[in-house]
């Protein structure tokens, strides 16, 4: 499992419920995407001979400094610039359904660690291909 910690939280502007100017949304996405990209490149460079995951499970943990209820769908939508940055940094081959499986999304409250996004990537063996292979051999 690969763990990436980004000392930023998701851009509010990427929430489906946000109402504002498109330029603000665009700028917030660039800033968050760049933060995720930089952390990914550092992790990738430390691991030596890096190959992007062909198919990965993505688990996300968001550390906030305050307690409130969050909608999982909104959190997933707000992570879109980070997901694009994972592809751009070469961590995963793509963010299509063939390359990326969405895992769990968790929220923690910890004033000493917030703001923080924890990204965990784990390679997934493609069960569909192994099923196809076993039916071919029969």
N, C-alpha and C. Protein backbone atom coordinates (compact mmCIF):
# COMPACT_ATOMS: atom_id res chain seq x y z
N UNK A 1 0.85 -1.18 0.00
CA UNK A 1 0.00 0.00 0.00
C UNK A 1 0.89 1.24 0.00
N UNK A 2 0.51 2.19 -0.79
CA UNK A 2 1.23 3.44 -0.92
C UNK A 2 0.43 4.53 -0.23
N UNK A 3 1.08 5.30 0.64
CA UNK A 3 0.40 6.34 1.41
C UNK A 3 0.99 7.70 1.06
N UNK A 4 0.12 8.64 0.73
CA UNK A 4 0.52 10.00 0.38
C UNK A 4 -0.24 10.95 1.29
N UNK A 5 0.49 11.83 1.97
CA UNK A 5 -0.15 12.81 2.86
C UNK A 5 0.02 14.20 2.26
N UNK A 6 -1.10 14.86 2.07
CA UNK A 6 -1.11 16.21 1.49
C UNK A 6 -1.60 17.17 2.56
N UNK A 7 -0.79 18.18 2.91
CA UNK A 7 -1.18 19.09 4.01
C UNK A 7 -2.20 20.15 3.60
N UNK A 8 -3.19 19.75 2.84
CA UNK A 8 -4.27 20.63 2.41
C UNK A 8 -5.57 19.85 2.44
N UNK A 9 -6.67 20.58 2.49
CA UNK A 9 -7.99 19.95 2.40
C UNK A 9 -8.59 20.21 1.03
N UNK A 10 -9.63 19.50 0.75
CA UNK A 10 -10.33 19.59 -0.52
C UNK A 10 -10.84 21.00 -0.79
N UNK A 11 -10.84 21.40 -2.05
CA UNK A 11 -11.40 22.72 -2.35
C UNK A 11 -12.92 22.72 -2.23
N UNK A 12 -13.43 23.64 -1.45
CA UNK A 12 -14.87 23.79 -1.28
C UNK A 12 -15.52 24.10 -2.61
N UNK A 13 -14.79 24.78 -3.47
CA UNK A 13 -15.33 25.18 -4.77
C UNK A 13 -15.69 23.99 -5.66
N UNK A 14 -15.18 22.81 -5.36
CA UNK A 14 -15.50 21.62 -6.16
C UNK A 14 -16.70 20.85 -5.63
N UNK A 15 -17.31 21.33 -4.59
CA UNK A 15 -18.54 20.70 -4.10
C UNK A 15 -19.65 20.92 -5.12
N UNK A 16 -20.44 19.90 -5.38
CA UNK A 16 -21.57 20.09 -6.31
C UNK A 16 -22.57 21.15 -5.81
N UNK A 17 -22.54 21.43 -4.52
CA UNK A 17 -23.47 22.41 -3.94
C UNK A 17 -22.92 23.84 -3.96
N UNK A 18 -21.68 24.02 -4.36
CA UNK A 18 -21.06 25.34 -4.33
C UNK A 18 -21.60 26.19 -5.47
N UNK A 19 -21.88 27.43 -5.16
CA UNK A 19 -22.36 28.38 -6.17
C UNK A 19 -21.40 29.57 -6.17
N UNK A 20 -20.67 29.69 -7.22
CA UNK A 20 -19.72 30.79 -7.33
C UNK A 20 -19.23 30.90 -8.76
N UNK A 21 -18.26 31.75 -8.95
CA UNK A 21 -17.72 32.00 -10.28
C UNK A 21 -16.82 30.85 -10.71
N UNK A 22 -16.89 30.49 -11.98
CA UNK A 22 -16.12 29.37 -12.51
C UNK A 22 -14.61 29.60 -12.35
N UNK A 23 -14.16 30.85 -12.41
CA UNK A 23 -12.72 31.12 -12.30
C UNK A 23 -12.20 30.79 -10.90
N UNK A 24 -13.03 31.02 -9.88
CA UNK A 24 -12.63 30.66 -8.51
C UNK A 24 -12.50 29.14 -8.39
N UNK A 25 -13.44 28.43 -8.97
CA UNK A 25 -13.40 26.97 -8.95
C UNK A 25 -12.15 26.46 -9.67
N UNK A 26 -11.88 27.02 -10.82
CA UNK A 26 -10.72 26.63 -11.61
C UNK A 26 -9.42 26.85 -10.82
N UNK A 27 -9.28 28.02 -10.23
CA UNK A 27 -8.06 28.35 -9.47
C UNK A 27 -7.90 27.44 -8.26
N UNK A 28 -8.99 27.16 -7.55
CA UNK A 28 -8.92 26.28 -6.38
C UNK A 28 -8.52 24.87 -6.80
N UNK A 29 -9.02 24.40 -7.93
CA UNK A 29 -8.65 23.08 -8.44
C UNK A 29 -7.18 23.00 -8.81
N UNK A 30 -6.67 24.06 -9.41
CA UNK A 30 -5.24 24.10 -9.78
C UNK A 30 -4.38 24.04 -8.52
N UNK A 31 -4.72 24.83 -7.52
CA UNK A 31 -3.92 24.88 -6.29
C UNK A 31 -3.91 23.53 -5.58
N UNK A 32 -5.08 22.91 -5.43
CA UNK A 32 -5.15 21.62 -4.75
C UNK A 32 -4.47 20.53 -5.58
N UNK A 33 -4.71 20.54 -6.88
CA UNK A 33 -4.07 19.57 -7.77
C UNK A 33 -2.55 19.67 -7.72
N UNK A 34 -2.02 20.89 -7.69
CA UNK A 34 -0.57 21.07 -7.60
C UNK A 34 -0.01 20.54 -6.29
N UNK A 35 -0.76 20.74 -5.20
CA UNK A 35 -0.31 20.23 -3.89
C UNK A 35 -0.26 18.70 -3.91
N UNK A 36 -1.28 18.07 -4.45
CA UNK A 36 -1.31 16.60 -4.54
C UNK A 36 -0.20 16.12 -5.45
N UNK A 37 -0.02 16.78 -6.58
CA UNK A 37 1.02 16.40 -7.54
C UNK A 37 2.41 16.44 -6.88
N UNK A 38 2.71 17.51 -6.18
CA UNK A 38 4.04 17.65 -5.54
C UNK A 38 4.29 16.54 -4.53
N UNK A 39 3.30 16.24 -3.72
CA UNK A 39 3.47 15.18 -2.73
C UNK A 39 3.63 13.82 -3.42
N UNK A 40 2.89 13.59 -4.49
CA UNK A 40 3.01 12.33 -5.23
C UNK A 40 4.39 12.17 -5.84
N UNK A 41 4.91 13.23 -6.41
CA UNK A 41 6.24 13.16 -7.03
C UNK A 41 7.30 12.86 -5.98
N UNK A 42 7.18 13.46 -4.80
CA UNK A 42 8.14 13.18 -3.72
C UNK A 42 8.08 11.71 -3.31
N UNK A 43 6.89 11.17 -3.14
CA UNK A 43 6.74 9.76 -2.76
C UNK A 43 7.26 8.87 -3.88
N UNK A 44 6.93 9.19 -5.09
CA UNK A 44 7.36 8.40 -6.25
C UNK A 44 8.89 8.40 -6.36
N UNK A 45 9.51 9.54 -6.17
CA UNK A 45 10.97 9.62 -6.29
C UNK A 45 11.69 8.87 -5.17
N UNK A 46 11.09 8.83 -3.98
CA UNK A 46 11.70 8.09 -2.87
C UNK A 46 11.61 6.59 -3.07
N UNK A 47 10.65 6.13 -3.84
CA UNK A 47 10.46 4.69 -3.98
C UNK A 47 11.35 4.08 -5.07
N UNK A 48 12.18 4.87 -5.72
CA UNK A 48 13.13 4.32 -6.68
C UNK A 48 12.52 4.03 -8.03
N UNK A 49 12.57 2.77 -8.44
CA UNK A 49 12.09 2.36 -9.76
C UNK A 49 10.56 2.26 -9.72
N UNK A 50 9.90 3.35 -10.01
CA UNK A 50 8.44 3.42 -9.87
C UNK A 50 7.73 3.06 -11.17
N UNK A 51 6.71 2.24 -11.06
CA UNK A 51 5.81 1.93 -12.16
C UNK A 51 4.40 2.29 -11.71
N UNK A 52 3.63 3.01 -12.52
CA UNK A 52 2.27 3.37 -12.10
C UNK A 52 1.40 2.12 -11.94
N UNK A 53 0.45 2.22 -11.02
CA UNK A 53 -0.50 1.13 -10.82
C UNK A 53 -1.38 1.03 -12.07
N UNK A 54 -1.54 -0.19 -12.57
CA UNK A 54 -2.45 -0.40 -13.71
C UNK A 54 -3.90 -0.35 -13.23
N UNK A 55 -4.15 -0.91 -12.06
CA UNK A 55 -5.49 -0.91 -11.45
C UNK A 55 -5.27 -0.74 -9.95
N UNK A 56 -5.87 0.28 -9.37
CA UNK A 56 -5.63 0.58 -7.96
C UNK A 56 -6.93 0.87 -7.23
N UNK A 57 -6.90 0.57 -5.93
CA UNK A 57 -8.00 0.95 -5.04
C UNK A 57 -7.57 2.24 -4.34
N UNK A 58 -8.45 3.22 -4.33
CA UNK A 58 -8.18 4.53 -3.74
C UNK A 58 -8.98 4.70 -2.47
N UNK A 59 -8.28 4.80 -1.33
CA UNK A 59 -8.91 5.10 -0.05
C UNK A 59 -8.50 6.51 0.35
N UNK A 60 -9.45 7.28 0.83
CA UNK A 60 -9.20 8.66 1.21
C UNK A 60 -9.59 8.91 2.66
N UNK A 61 -8.74 9.66 3.36
CA UNK A 61 -9.06 10.10 4.71
C UNK A 61 -8.82 11.60 4.75
N UNK A 62 -9.81 12.33 5.21
CA UNK A 62 -9.71 13.78 5.31
C UNK A 62 -9.69 14.15 6.79
N UNK A 63 -8.69 14.90 7.20
CA UNK A 63 -8.54 15.29 8.60
C UNK A 63 -8.91 16.77 8.71
N UNK A 64 -10.01 17.01 9.40
CA UNK A 64 -10.52 18.37 9.62
C UNK A 64 -10.23 18.79 11.05
N UNK A 65 -10.25 20.10 11.28
CA UNK A 65 -10.02 20.61 12.63
C UNK A 65 -11.33 20.83 13.39
N UNK A 66 -12.44 20.58 12.73
CA UNK A 66 -13.75 20.78 13.34
C UNK A 66 -14.65 19.60 13.01
N UNK A 67 -15.65 19.42 13.85
CA UNK A 67 -16.57 18.30 13.66
C UNK A 67 -17.86 18.80 13.02
N UNK A 68 -18.24 18.12 11.96
CA UNK A 68 -19.53 18.35 11.32
C UNK A 68 -19.83 17.15 10.44
N UNK A 69 -21.03 17.08 9.95
CA UNK A 69 -21.40 15.96 9.09
C UNK A 69 -20.99 16.26 7.66
N UNK A 70 -20.46 15.25 7.00
CA UNK A 70 -20.04 15.39 5.61
C UNK A 70 -20.74 14.35 4.77
N UNK A 71 -21.09 14.72 3.58
CA UNK A 71 -21.71 13.83 2.62
C UNK A 71 -20.59 13.18 1.80
N UNK A 72 -20.55 11.85 1.79
CA UNK A 72 -19.48 11.12 1.10
C UNK A 72 -19.42 11.46 -0.38
N UNK A 73 -20.55 11.60 -1.02
CA UNK A 73 -20.57 11.93 -2.44
C UNK A 73 -19.93 13.30 -2.71
N UNK A 74 -20.21 14.26 -1.86
CA UNK A 74 -19.62 15.59 -2.02
C UNK A 74 -18.11 15.54 -1.81
N UNK A 75 -17.66 14.77 -0.83
CA UNK A 75 -16.22 14.65 -0.60
C UNK A 75 -15.55 14.02 -1.81
N UNK A 76 -16.16 13.00 -2.37
CA UNK A 76 -15.59 12.34 -3.56
C UNK A 76 -15.52 13.33 -4.72
N UNK A 77 -16.56 14.12 -4.94
CA UNK A 77 -16.57 15.11 -6.02
C UNK A 77 -15.51 16.18 -5.79
N UNK A 78 -15.34 16.59 -4.54
CA UNK A 78 -14.35 17.62 -4.23
C UNK A 78 -12.92 17.13 -4.42
N UNK A 79 -12.71 15.81 -4.47
CA UNK A 79 -11.37 15.27 -4.66
C UNK A 79 -10.97 15.19 -6.14
N UNK A 80 -11.83 15.54 -7.06
CA UNK A 80 -11.56 15.39 -8.49
C UNK A 80 -10.22 16.01 -8.91
N UNK A 81 -9.84 17.22 -8.50
CA UNK A 81 -8.53 17.74 -8.90
C UNK A 81 -7.39 16.88 -8.37
N UNK A 82 -7.56 16.30 -7.19
CA UNK A 82 -6.54 15.41 -6.64
C UNK A 82 -6.44 14.12 -7.42
N UNK A 83 -7.56 13.61 -7.85
CA UNK A 83 -7.59 12.38 -8.65
C UNK A 83 -6.88 12.61 -9.99
N UNK A 84 -7.14 13.75 -10.60
CA UNK A 84 -6.45 14.08 -11.85
C UNK A 84 -4.95 14.23 -11.62
N UNK A 85 -4.56 14.76 -10.48
CA UNK A 85 -3.14 14.92 -10.16
C UNK A 85 -2.45 13.58 -9.97
N UNK A 86 -3.16 12.58 -9.45
CA UNK A 86 -2.59 11.24 -9.32
C UNK A 86 -2.19 10.67 -10.68
N UNK A 87 -3.03 10.91 -11.67
CA UNK A 87 -2.72 10.45 -13.03
C UNK A 87 -1.56 11.25 -13.60
N UNK A 88 -1.62 12.56 -13.44
CA UNK A 88 -0.58 13.44 -13.98
C UNK A 88 0.79 13.15 -13.37
N UNK A 89 0.82 12.77 -12.10
CA UNK A 89 2.08 12.47 -11.41
C UNK A 89 2.59 11.06 -11.72
N UNK A 90 1.79 10.27 -12.43
CA UNK A 90 2.23 8.93 -12.79
C UNK A 90 2.04 7.90 -11.70
N UNK A 91 1.12 8.13 -10.78
CA UNK A 91 0.85 7.16 -9.72
C UNK A 91 -0.06 6.05 -10.22
N UNK A 92 -1.03 6.41 -11.05
CA UNK A 92 -1.96 5.45 -11.64
C UNK A 92 -2.01 5.71 -13.15
N UNK A 93 -2.33 4.69 -13.91
CA UNK A 93 -2.35 4.85 -15.37
C UNK A 93 -3.50 5.73 -15.85
N UNK A 94 -4.59 5.72 -15.14
CA UNK A 94 -5.74 6.53 -15.54
C UNK A 94 -6.75 6.56 -14.41
N UNK A 95 -7.75 7.41 -14.55
CA UNK A 95 -8.78 7.45 -13.51
C UNK A 95 -10.12 6.96 -14.04
N UNK A 96 -10.05 6.08 -15.04
CA UNK A 96 -11.28 5.47 -15.54
C UNK A 96 -11.67 4.32 -14.61
N UNK A 97 -12.86 3.76 -14.83
CA UNK A 97 -13.32 2.66 -13.99
C UNK A 97 -12.48 1.41 -14.17
N UNK A 98 -11.79 1.30 -15.31
CA UNK A 98 -10.90 0.15 -15.52
C UNK A 98 -9.62 0.27 -14.71
N UNK A 99 -9.21 1.50 -14.39
CA UNK A 99 -7.95 1.72 -13.69
C UNK A 99 -8.10 2.02 -12.21
N UNK A 100 -9.25 2.51 -11.81
CA UNK A 100 -9.39 3.00 -10.44
C UNK A 100 -10.67 2.48 -9.79
N UNK A 101 -10.50 1.90 -8.62
CA UNK A 101 -11.62 1.42 -7.81
C UNK A 101 -11.70 2.33 -6.61
N UNK A 102 -12.86 2.93 -6.40
CA UNK A 102 -13.03 3.80 -5.24
C UNK A 102 -13.23 2.96 -4.00
N UNK A 103 -12.38 3.18 -3.02
CA UNK A 103 -12.48 2.47 -1.75
C UNK A 103 -13.25 3.31 -0.75
N UNK A 104 -12.81 3.23 0.49
CA UNK A 104 -13.53 3.94 1.55
C UNK A 104 -13.10 5.40 1.64
N UNK A 105 -14.01 6.20 2.13
CA UNK A 105 -13.75 7.60 2.41
C UNK A 105 -14.03 7.80 3.89
N UNK A 106 -13.03 8.32 4.60
CA UNK A 106 -13.17 8.52 6.05
C UNK A 106 -12.90 9.97 6.39
N UNK A 107 -13.51 10.42 7.48
CA UNK A 107 -13.29 11.77 7.99
C UNK A 107 -12.83 11.64 9.43
N UNK A 108 -11.76 12.34 9.76
CA UNK A 108 -11.25 12.38 11.13
C UNK A 108 -11.23 13.83 11.59
N UNK A 109 -11.36 14.01 12.88
CA UNK A 109 -11.24 15.33 13.48
C UNK A 109 -10.03 15.32 14.40
N UNK A 110 -9.03 16.14 14.06
CA UNK A 110 -7.80 16.22 14.85
C UNK A 110 -7.17 17.59 14.60
N UNK A 111 -7.31 18.47 15.56
CA UNK A 111 -6.81 19.84 15.39
C UNK A 111 -5.30 19.90 15.20
N UNK A 112 -4.57 18.95 15.76
CA UNK A 112 -3.11 18.99 15.67
C UNK A 112 -2.60 18.56 14.29
N UNK A 113 -3.37 17.75 13.56
CA UNK A 113 -2.93 17.26 12.24
C UNK A 113 -3.61 17.99 11.08
N UNK A 114 -4.74 18.60 11.32
CA UNK A 114 -5.52 19.25 10.26
C UNK A 114 -4.81 20.51 9.77
N UNK A 115 -4.99 20.88 8.55
CA UNK A 115 -5.71 20.21 7.47
C UNK A 115 -4.83 19.14 6.82
N UNK A 116 -5.43 18.03 6.45
CA UNK A 116 -4.65 16.93 5.90
C UNK A 116 -5.55 16.04 5.04
N UNK A 117 -5.03 15.64 3.89
CA UNK A 117 -5.65 14.64 3.04
C UNK A 117 -4.71 13.45 2.99
N UNK A 118 -5.21 12.27 3.35
CA UNK A 118 -4.40 11.05 3.30
C UNK A 118 -4.93 10.21 2.14
N UNK A 119 -4.05 9.95 1.19
CA UNK A 119 -4.39 9.18 0.00
C UNK A 119 -3.68 7.83 0.11
N UNK A 120 -4.43 6.76 0.02
CA UNK A 120 -3.85 5.42 0.05
C UNK A 120 -4.20 4.71 -1.25
N UNK A 121 -3.16 4.23 -1.93
CA UNK A 121 -3.33 3.48 -3.16
C UNK A 121 -2.85 2.06 -2.95
N UNK A 122 -3.65 1.12 -3.39
CA UNK A 122 -3.30 -0.29 -3.26
C UNK A 122 -3.59 -0.97 -4.58
N UNK A 123 -2.61 -1.73 -5.07
CA UNK A 123 -2.80 -2.42 -6.35
C UNK A 123 -3.89 -3.47 -6.21
N UNK A 124 -4.74 -3.53 -7.23
CA UNK A 124 -5.83 -4.50 -7.26
C UNK A 124 -5.55 -5.46 -8.40
N UNK A 125 -5.55 -6.73 -8.05
CA UNK A 125 -5.44 -7.74 -9.10
C UNK A 125 -6.78 -7.83 -9.79
N UNK A 126 -6.77 -7.77 -11.08
CA UNK A 126 -8.01 -7.71 -11.85
C UNK A 126 -8.68 -9.08 -11.88
N UNK A 127 -9.75 -9.23 -11.13
CA UNK A 127 -10.48 -10.49 -11.06
C UNK A 127 -11.15 -10.81 -12.40
N UNK A 128 -11.50 -9.79 -13.15
CA UNK A 128 -12.16 -10.03 -14.44
C UNK A 128 -11.22 -10.75 -15.39
N UNK A 129 -9.94 -10.36 -15.42
CA UNK A 129 -8.99 -11.02 -16.32
C UNK A 129 -8.73 -12.46 -15.90
N UNK A 130 -8.62 -12.70 -14.59
CA UNK A 130 -8.37 -14.07 -14.14
C UNK A 130 -9.57 -14.96 -14.44
N UNK A 131 -10.79 -14.41 -14.40
CA UNK A 131 -11.98 -15.17 -14.72
C UNK A 131 -11.99 -15.50 -16.21
N UNK A 132 -11.60 -14.53 -17.03
CA UNK A 132 -11.55 -14.78 -18.47
C UNK A 132 -10.53 -15.85 -18.79
N UNK A 133 -9.38 -15.80 -18.14
CA UNK A 133 -8.33 -16.79 -18.38
C UNK A 133 -8.79 -18.20 -18.00
N UNK A 134 -9.50 -18.31 -16.86
CA UNK A 134 -9.94 -19.64 -16.43
C UNK A 134 -11.00 -20.20 -17.36
N UNK A 135 -11.84 -19.35 -17.95
CA UNK A 135 -12.85 -19.84 -18.89
C UNK A 135 -12.22 -20.20 -20.23
N UNK A 136 -11.15 -19.52 -20.61
CA UNK A 136 -10.44 -19.87 -21.85
C UNK A 136 -9.81 -21.24 -21.74
N UNK A 137 -9.25 -21.53 -20.57
CA UNK A 137 -8.53 -22.79 -20.36
C UNK A 137 -9.47 -23.98 -20.21
N UNK A 138 -10.75 -23.74 -20.02
CA UNK A 138 -11.70 -24.85 -19.80
C UNK A 138 -12.08 -25.54 -21.08
